[in-house]
Structures are given as structure tokens and as C-alpha cells.
C-alpha atoms as a PDB file:
ATOM      1  CA  MET A   1      20.764  -7.155  -2.089  1.00  0.00           C
ATOM      2  CA  GLU A   2      21.699  -8.269   1.542  1.00  0.00           C
ATOM      3  CA  GLN A   3      18.953  -7.828   3.978  1.00  0.00           C
ATOM      4  CA  LEU A   4      20.006  -7.820   7.759  1.00  0.00           C
ATOM      5  CA  SER A   5      16.608  -7.931   9.488  1.00  0.00           C
ATOM      6  CA  GLN A   6      18.077  -6.699  12.966  1.00  0.00           C
ATOM      7  CA  GLN A   7      19.165  -3.411  11.045  1.00  0.00           C
ATOM      8  CA  THR A   8      15.984  -2.926   8.965  1.00  0.00           C
ATOM      9  CA  ALA A   9      12.664  -1.337   9.732  1.00  0.00           C
ATOM     10  CA  LEU A  10       9.457  -1.153   8.023  1.00  0.00           C
ATOM     11  CA  LEU A  11       7.801   2.207   7.866  1.00  0.00           C
ATOM     12  CA  VAL A  12       4.188   2.584   7.516  1.00  0.00           C
ATOM     13  CA  MET A  13       3.569   6.124   6.785  1.00  0.00           C
ATOM     14  CA  ASP A  14       0.294   8.167   6.579  1.00  0.00           C
ATOM     15  CA  MET A  15      -1.762   5.118   6.297  1.00  0.00           C
ATOM     16  CA  GLN A  16      -4.509   6.806   8.198  1.00  0.00           C
ATOM     17  CA  SER A  17      -8.165   5.874   7.611  1.00  0.00           C
ATOM     18  CA  VAL A  18      -8.814   9.611   6.539  1.00  0.00           C
ATOM     19  CA  ILE A  19      -6.013   9.846   4.042  1.00  0.00           C
ATOM     20  CA  ALA A  20      -6.591   6.233   2.673  1.00  0.00           C
ATOM     21  CA  ASN A  21     -10.175   7.403   1.850  1.00  0.00           C
ATOM     22  CA  MET A  22      -8.527  10.114  -0.414  1.00  0.00           C
ATOM     23  CA  VAL A  23      -6.365   7.879  -2.285  1.00  0.00           C
ATOM     24  CA  PRO A  24      -8.011   6.065  -5.296  1.00  0.00           C
ATOM     25  CA  ASP A  25      -7.955   2.256  -4.896  1.00  0.00           C
ATOM     26  CA  SER A  26      -6.202   2.421  -1.566  1.00  0.00           C
ATOM     27  CA  SER A  27      -7.517  -1.136  -0.927  1.00  0.00           C
ATOM     28  CA  ALA A  28      -4.956  -2.888  -3.069  1.00  0.00           C
ATOM     29  CA  ALA A  29      -2.072  -0.850  -1.336  1.00  0.00           C
ATOM     30  CA  LEU A  30      -3.526  -1.405   2.056  1.00  0.00           C
ATOM     31  CA  LYS A  31      -3.592  -5.226   1.403  1.00  0.00           C
ATOM     32  CA  HIS A  32      -0.021  -5.361   0.071  1.00  0.00           C
ATOM     33  CA  THR A  33       1.116  -3.450   3.090  1.00  0.00           C
ATOM     34  CA  ALA A  34      -0.851  -5.700   5.527  1.00  0.00           C
ATOM     35  CA  ALA A  35       1.334  -8.661   3.848  1.00  0.00           C
ATOM     36  CA  ALA A  36       4.602  -6.606   4.255  1.00  0.00           C
ATOM     37  CA  ILE A  37       3.587  -5.872   7.907  1.00  0.00           C
ATOM     38  CA  ALA A  38       2.997  -9.672   8.553  1.00  0.00           C
ATOM     39  CA  TYR A  39       6.303 -10.668   6.844  1.00  0.00           C
ATOM     40  CA  ALA A  40       7.948  -8.064   9.010  1.00  0.00           C
ATOM     41  CA  ARG A  41       6.599  -9.267  12.335  1.00  0.00           C
ATOM     42  CA  LYS A  42       7.391 -12.842  11.439  1.00  0.00           C
ATOM     43  CA  LYS A  43      11.217 -11.627  10.611  1.00  0.00           C
ATOM     44  CA  ASN A  44      11.320  -9.655  13.831  1.00  0.00           C
ATOM     45  CA  ILE A  45      11.865  -6.594  11.723  1.00  0.00           C
ATOM     46  CA  PRO A  46      10.444  -3.466  13.453  1.00  0.00           C
ATOM     47  CA  VAL A  47       7.268  -2.124  12.213  1.00  0.00           C
ATOM     48  CA  ILE A  48       7.107   1.675  12.755  1.00  0.00           C
ATOM     49  CA  TYR A  49       4.126   3.803  12.028  1.00  0.00           C
ATOM     50  CA  VAL A  50       4.360   7.405  11.108  1.00  0.00           C
ATOM     51  CA  VAL A  51       1.125   9.588  11.290  1.00  0.00           C
ATOM     52  CA  VAL A  52       0.705  13.123  10.309  1.00  0.00           C
ATOM     53  CA  GLY A  53      -1.150  15.038  13.186  1.00  0.00           C
ATOM     54  CA  PHE A  54      -1.505  18.330  14.754  1.00  0.00           C
ATOM     55  CA  ARG A  55      -2.911  20.052  17.864  1.00  0.00           C
ATOM     56  CA  ARG A  56      -6.499  21.417  17.580  1.00  0.00           C
ATOM     57  CA  GLY A  57      -6.477  24.473  15.545  1.00  0.00           C
ATOM     58  CA  MET A  58      -3.179  23.521  13.803  1.00  0.00           C
ATOM     59  CA  PRO A  59      -0.915  25.975  15.402  1.00  0.00           C
ATOM     60  CA  GLU A  60       2.021  24.331  13.758  1.00  0.00           C
ATOM     61  CA  ILE A  61       0.974  25.379  10.338  1.00  0.00           C
ATOM     62  CA  SER A  62       2.416  28.719   8.954  1.00  0.00           C
ATOM     63  CA  ALA A  63       0.483  30.735   6.538  1.00  0.00           C
ATOM     64  CA  ASN A  64       3.833  30.359   4.468  1.00  0.00           C
ATOM     65  CA  ASN A  65       3.258  26.661   4.080  1.00  0.00           C
ATOM     66  CA  LYS A  66       1.228  26.403   0.791  1.00  0.00           C
ATOM     67  CA  GLY A  67       0.410  22.577   1.279  1.00  0.00           C
ATOM     68  CA  PHE A  68      -0.773  22.377   4.923  1.00  0.00           C
ATOM     69  CA  SER A  69      -2.151  26.137   5.180  1.00  0.00           C
ATOM     70  CA  ALA A  70      -4.977  25.285   2.634  1.00  0.00           C
ATOM     71  CA  SER A  71      -6.264  22.920   5.015  1.00  0.00           C
ATOM     72  CA  LYS A  72      -6.000  24.846   8.166  1.00  0.00           C
ATOM     73  CA  GLU A  73      -9.149  26.698   7.977  1.00  0.00           C
ATOM     74  CA  ARG A  74     -11.086  23.668   6.925  1.00  0.00           C
ATOM     75  CA  MET A  75      -9.601  21.571   9.691  1.00  0.00           C
ATOM     76  CA  ALA A  76      -9.484  24.073  12.450  1.00  0.00           C
ATOM     77  CA  ASN A  77     -12.158  22.401  14.646  1.00  0.00           C
ATOM     78  CA  ALA A  78     -11.368  18.584  13.294  1.00  0.00           C
ATOM     79  CA  ASP A  79     -10.875  15.774  16.072  1.00  0.00           C
ATOM     80  CA  MET A  80      -7.234  15.339  15.686  1.00  0.00           C
ATOM     81  CA  LEU A  81      -7.494  11.929  17.641  1.00  0.00           C
ATOM     82  CA  GLU A  82      -9.702  10.657  14.837  1.00  0.00           C
ATOM     83  CA  TRP A  83      -7.603  12.181  12.293  1.00  0.00           C
ATOM     84  CA  VAL A  84      -4.716  10.383  13.126  1.00  0.00           C
ATOM     85  CA  LYS A  85      -6.298   6.774  13.268  1.00  0.00           C
ATOM     86  CA  ILE A  86      -4.423   4.306  11.391  1.00  0.00           C
ATOM     87  CA  HIS A  87      -6.605   2.342   8.955  1.00  0.00           C
ATOM     88  CA  PRO A  88      -7.847  -1.078  10.563  1.00  0.00           C
ATOM     89  CA  ASP A  89      -6.278  -3.022   7.685  1.00  0.00           C
ATOM     90  CA  VAL A  90      -2.773  -2.177   8.770  1.00  0.00           C
ATOM     91  CA  ALA A  91      -3.357  -1.305  12.310  1.00  0.00           C
ATOM     92  CA  PRO A  92      -0.454  -1.476  14.808  1.00  0.00           C
ATOM     93  CA  LEU A  93       0.010  -4.134  17.731  1.00  0.00           C
ATOM     94  CA  PRO A  94       0.111  -2.448  21.123  1.00  0.00           C
ATOM     95  CA  ASN A  95       3.952  -2.823  21.394  1.00  0.00           C
ATOM     96  CA  GLU A  96       4.637  -1.141  17.851  1.00  0.00           C
ATOM     97  CA  ILE A  97       5.791   2.515  17.783  1.00  0.00           C
ATOM     98  CA  ILE A  98       3.573   5.156  16.491  1.00  0.00           C
ATOM     99  CA  THR A  99       5.505   8.507  15.691  1.00  0.00           C
ATOM    100  CA  THR A 100       3.687  11.799  14.921  1.00  0.00           C
ATOM    101  CA  LYS A 101       5.307  14.017  12.199  1.00  0.00           C
ATOM    102  CA  ARG A 102       4.384  17.694  11.545  1.00  0.00           C
ATOM    103  CA  ARG A 103       5.220  18.156   7.851  1.00  0.00           C
ATOM    104  CA  ILE A 104       5.424  15.846   4.915  1.00  0.00           C
ATOM    105  CA  SER A 105       8.533  13.879   5.424  1.00  0.00           C
ATOM    106  CA  ALA A 106       8.457  11.416   8.202  1.00  0.00           C
ATOM    107  CA  PHE A 107      11.410  12.960   9.859  1.00  0.00           C
ATOM    108  CA  ALA A 108       9.963  16.441   9.923  1.00  0.00           C
ATOM    109  CA  GLY A 109       8.799  17.381  13.619  1.00  0.00           C
ATOM    110  CA  SER A 110       8.739  13.792  14.653  1.00  0.00           C
ATOM    111  CA  ASP A 111      11.136  11.609  16.882  1.00  0.00           C
ATOM    112  CA  LEU A 112      11.539   9.128  14.121  1.00  0.00           C
ATOM    113  CA  GLU A 113      15.408   9.666  13.914  1.00  0.00           C
ATOM    114  CA  VAL A 114      15.858   8.994  17.688  1.00  0.00           C
ATOM    115  CA  VAL A 115      13.869   5.863  17.426  1.00  0.00           C
ATOM    116  CA  LEU A 116      15.864   4.524  14.468  1.00  0.00           C
ATOM    117  CA  ARG A 117      19.035   5.282  16.274  1.00  0.00           C
ATOM    118  CA  ALA A 118      17.775   3.503  19.331  1.00  0.00           C
ATOM    119  CA  PHE A 119      17.132   0.336  17.282  1.00  0.00           C
ATOM    120  CA  SER A 120      20.454   0.736  15.294  1.00  0.00           C
ATOM    121  CA  ILE A 121      18.524   0.844  12.055  1.00  0.00           C
ATOM    122  CA  GLN A 122      20.410   1.368   8.744  1.00  0.00           C
ATOM    123  CA  HIS A 123      17.915   0.281   6.277  1.00  0.00           C
ATOM    124  CA  LEU A 124      14.426   1.496   5.854  1.00  0.00           C
ATOM    125  CA  VAL A 125      11.603  -0.111   3.884  1.00  0.00           C
ATOM    126  CA  LEU A 126       9.075   2.297   2.824  1.00  0.00           C
ATOM    127  CA  THR A 127       5.325   2.376   2.453  1.00  0.00           C
ATOM    128  CA  GLY A 128       2.680   4.954   2.473  1.00  0.00           C
ATOM    129  CA  PHE A 129       0.057   7.500   1.175  1.00  0.00           C
ATOM    130  CA  SER A 130       0.956   9.296  -0.970  1.00  0.00           C
ATOM    131  CA  THR A 131       3.761   8.579  -3.153  1.00  0.00           C
ATOM    132  CA  SER A 132       4.408  12.071  -4.129  1.00  0.00           C
ATOM    133  CA  GLY A 133       4.060  13.224  -0.467  1.00  0.00           C
ATOM    134  CA  VAL A 134       5.648  11.202   2.389  1.00  0.00           C
ATOM    135  CA  VAL A 135       7.071   8.582   0.534  1.00  0.00           C
ATOM    136  CA  LEU A 136       9.049  10.941  -1.554  1.00  0.00           C
ATOM    137  CA  SER A 137      10.053  13.439   0.939  1.00  0.00           C
ATOM    138  CA  THR A 138      11.068  10.673   3.399  1.00  0.00           C
ATOM    139  CA  LEU A 139      13.071   8.782   0.624  1.00  0.00           C
ATOM    140  CA  ARG A 140      14.941  11.959  -0.174  1.00  0.00           C
ATOM    141  CA  GLU A 141      15.752  12.833   3.484  1.00  0.00           C
ATOM    142  CA  ALA A 142      16.659   9.375   4.355  1.00  0.00           C
ATOM    143  CA  ALA A 143      18.923   9.141   1.396  1.00  0.00           C
ATOM    144  CA  ASP A 144      20.864  12.310   2.588  1.00  0.00           C
ATOM    145  CA  LYS A 145      20.881  10.806   6.065  1.00  0.00           C
ATOM    146  CA  ASP A 146      22.681   7.639   4.462  1.00  0.00           C
ATOM    147  CA  TYR A 147      20.069   5.178   5.098  1.00  0.00           C
ATOM    148  CA  ARG A 148      19.856   2.362   2.826  1.00  0.00           C
ATOM    149  CA  LEU A 149      16.497   2.336   1.265  1.00  0.00           C
ATOM    150  CA  THR A 150      13.877   0.103  -0.195  1.00  0.00           C
ATOM    151  CA  VAL A 151      10.379   1.257  -1.427  1.00  0.00           C
ATOM    152  CA  LEU A 152       7.457  -1.190  -1.676  1.00  0.00           C
ATOM    153  CA  SER A 153       5.892   0.117  -4.846  1.00  0.00           C
ATOM    154  CA  ASP A 154       2.490  -1.882  -4.474  1.00  0.00           C
ATOM    155  CA  CYS A 155       2.362  -0.378  -0.818  1.00  0.00           C
ATOM    156  CA  CYS A 156       2.109   3.124  -1.967  1.00  0.00           C
ATOM    157  CA  GLY A 157      -0.574   5.110  -3.468  1.00  0.00           C
ATOM    158  CA  ASP A 158      -1.186   8.589  -4.889  1.00  0.00           C
ATOM    159  CA  GLY A 159      -3.956  10.681  -5.954  1.00  0.00           C
ATOM    160  CA  ASP A 160      -2.451  10.765  -9.334  1.00  0.00           C
ATOM    161  CA  GLU A 161      -1.694   7.290 -10.951  1.00  0.00           C
ATOM    162  CA  GLU A 162       0.819   8.720 -13.375  1.00  0.00           C
ATOM    163  CA  VAL A 163       2.904  10.534 -10.885  1.00  0.00           C
ATOM    164  CA  HIS A 164       3.056   7.280  -8.661  1.00  0.00           C
ATOM    165  CA  ARG A 165       4.291   5.532 -12.076  1.00  0.00           C
ATOM    166  CA  VAL A 166       7.099   7.965 -12.862  1.00  0.00           C
ATOM    167  CA  LEU A 167       8.119   8.043  -9.231  1.00  0.00           C
ATOM    168  CA  VAL A 168       8.462   4.353  -8.722  1.00  0.00           C
ATOM    169  CA  THR A 169       9.753   3.593 -12.171  1.00  0.00           C
ATOM    170  CA  LYS A 170      12.256   6.732 -12.761  1.00  0.00           C
ATOM    171  CA  VAL A 171      12.936   8.614  -9.819  1.00  0.00           C
ATOM    172  CA  PHE A 172      13.012   6.310  -6.765  1.00  0.00           C
ATOM    173  CA  PRO A 173      15.376   3.832  -8.305  1.00  0.00           C
ATOM    174  CA  ARG A 174      18.089   6.431  -8.137  1.00  0.00           C
ATOM    175  CA  GLN A 175      18.158   6.271  -4.507  1.00  0.00           C
ATOM    176  CA  ALA A 176      16.498   3.163  -3.452  1.00  0.00           C
ATOM    177  CA  ASP A 177      15.616  -0.441  -4.346  1.00  0.00           C
ATOM    178  CA  VAL A 178      12.131  -0.528  -5.720  1.00  0.00           C
ATOM    179  CA  LEU A 179      10.293  -3.852  -5.241  1.00  0.00           C
ATOM    180  CA  THR A 180       7.026  -5.306  -4.965  1.00  0.00           C
ATOM    181  CA  THR A 181       5.748  -6.790  -1.584  1.00  0.00           C
ATOM    182  CA  GLY A 182       6.131 -10.301  -3.360  1.00  0.00           C
ATOM    183  CA  LYS A 183       9.708  -9.762  -4.141  1.00  0.00           C
ATOM    184  CA  TRP A 184      10.647  -8.243  -0.845  1.00  0.00           C
ATOM    185  CA  VAL A 185       9.408 -11.317   1.175  1.00  0.00           C
ATOM    186  CA  LYS A 186      11.485 -13.540  -0.993  1.00  0.00           C
ATOM    187  CA  LEU A 187      14.757 -11.773  -0.104  1.00  0.00           C
END
């Protein structure tokens, strides 16, 4: 697999402190993601952060959206500035881009695609919480948009370990290279 760093971006998705606290054993994925970020920075690969966030009261959430509408009432008065804070173990540098999405895929409701075009990105390296959420949705949409894809399996986490395992071993390899951080940094 040829890696052209000038056409590659590392996406750090939904690695918000609040979300990391909901993923069992997120500390291992955060540690591996920090290593992937350090490698990307060393190789001048753009690191782009994607967070899920809403306005106060979550007016973007329709009652028809089963996944998000369940949280709408509970989070109606949540401090959204606190909600979107990225975990300190993988925090962005001041010059790194943070884009906010409004749904599960990193592309949905965000300006991610505009940013990727501006950098002439053709290859996405995906990390994130959760494997069955943002990683799966983004991988599917990015594949349909003809991006080359790599998933760093040890930089993802899910509330259900079996779901994570099935996705990274059986589903994702159909559309992406699935590697550990250790293998990616040796390319």
C-alpha cells in the first residue's frame, strides 16, 4: 500500500471526553490514537478533529431521529462547550482543524468535505469512538465518495467489544485497509 502523506489526513473522530468516558477501556484507544497523532504530525500528515455537537436545546435533532432524539430531552440544558471538548490525551494543537458534525457520519452537517478538498486529501485514516457509530458511518460515506481508506483498529472503541471485533475483522476490510497503529507507522 503506497502512502502519499501529502494526500493523507488522519481523522480523530468523536474523541470527546464525555464520549470517551462512555466507552469501556477507552484509555488503550486514546493511547494508540495519541501515538498515531504524533506520527502524523512528524510526517506532516494533517490531523483533523471531528466532534459531534449541537446548539443549546439541540434544535437540529428531529423526533424522527431515533438515535439522537432519545438524548435530546436529557441533554436539553447541557453545556455544549463542555460536551465538545476533546479528550486531553489526544488534544489538538492550536493550528489543527476541528470540525463539528450534527449526525453520526463525520460528513453529515459538517464542513469536512470542504476542508479535505482544500488540502487535496484522497486518503483518510480513521480513528474514533464509536466503531459502530462514527467510524462505520464515515467509512461507508467516504467509500462512496471514492476516498482511499485506512482504519486504525486499535484507535477505535465501542460499547460492545463483539461489534467492534466483527466490524474491524469482517466488515471494514471490504472497503478499507485495517491496521494497528504499530503497522501504520511502519508504512
